[in-house]
């Protein structure tokens, strides 16, 4: 197996800011793990959406961060710099000139340089292209060496391959043990149930169902909601809205409440096998997690032992009513042990390496005139 260390150019939304950027934790975990395995990563991110004004980490030691102006000229300069890479990654949802980048990175593909599309919101991408036969990304799908996703399982794999993808592989969210871990509780986050997530169109109805309705139905319980955009949302008096929660506070946010709620966006719940980053963040802090139901939960955690599952807001309220402190602590500890044993970013980076090296070997065999089955 070719195991050389790679110079990777990565075009994404932001590595240094989690502001309106739910993929930040995922990027940091993957990039850090790849760096620790000897690879060099340059992360190109646009100066957009006030992310640089709301940075929550300095430039990390595990990647070179290039922040470029939100102009076509600046994007093209970054693409020129990426010609020095062995591997070029275009992530979905950069937010600035996505169509340009998706088209232009493919011009960097050579026999020696792979180009990958990394979809951090495959359900949204697939829904978009299925509803628009003229979507400019659609004819590009077969041209990428690989399509990676951070969730979706067989439904996403089959959907991408039906659109002509050479290969589609999920690299699931995971735990970064260097940043997410148990800490001492903080009184400001004390409550019976906490939820963290930005207000998005395909999440809002589910937040009403799984969080706001149970809160209104259980006035004797205390609830906290964090994330951007909820300020004008009607809520019962036992719900406290705390706004954007910076990454440095996530551990305390997860460690302090009796339970932490995960609510999937509608599209991710529909495709299944799409655990949000916050699930692994919370598990890594030893939190007792209550999640809405989606297919594939048991692929990651054992229901009732390592995670609690609710199919409705009524079930959320019922779980809270019967959940003791001792039960919550036991479930949180079981989830913590599971992520350490099977769901860290080191596990994901190892999977990615094996995938990349297999692809490199296949390309080398093809160039030499031999078939993979001959070897």
Foldseek 3Di string as FASTA:
>chain_A
DDQDAWEEEEEAQDQFFCAVNQCNVVVVQQLQLSLVVPHAYEYEAECDPCRVVHGQHDPDPSYHYHYFYLDPVRVVVSLVVCLPTQEYEYEPDSPGPSLVCLVVNLVSDDLRHAYEYEYAPLLVVLVVCVVPVPPSCLVSQQSHLEYEYQWQPPLSQVSSVVSNHPGYYYLHAADALVQFAADDADVVLEWAEEEEDADDPQQVVQCCKAPQVLCVVCVVTAYEYEYPDCPPPDGDPRYHYDYHDRSNCLLNNLNHHLAYEDTDGPSDQVSFGHDRNSLNSNLRNLFAYEYEDGPPPVVQPDDPQQHDYDPTNVVSNVCSVPDDSVSRNRNSPRSNVSRVVAGGSNNSNVVVSVVVVVSSVQSVCVVVVHHPVVD
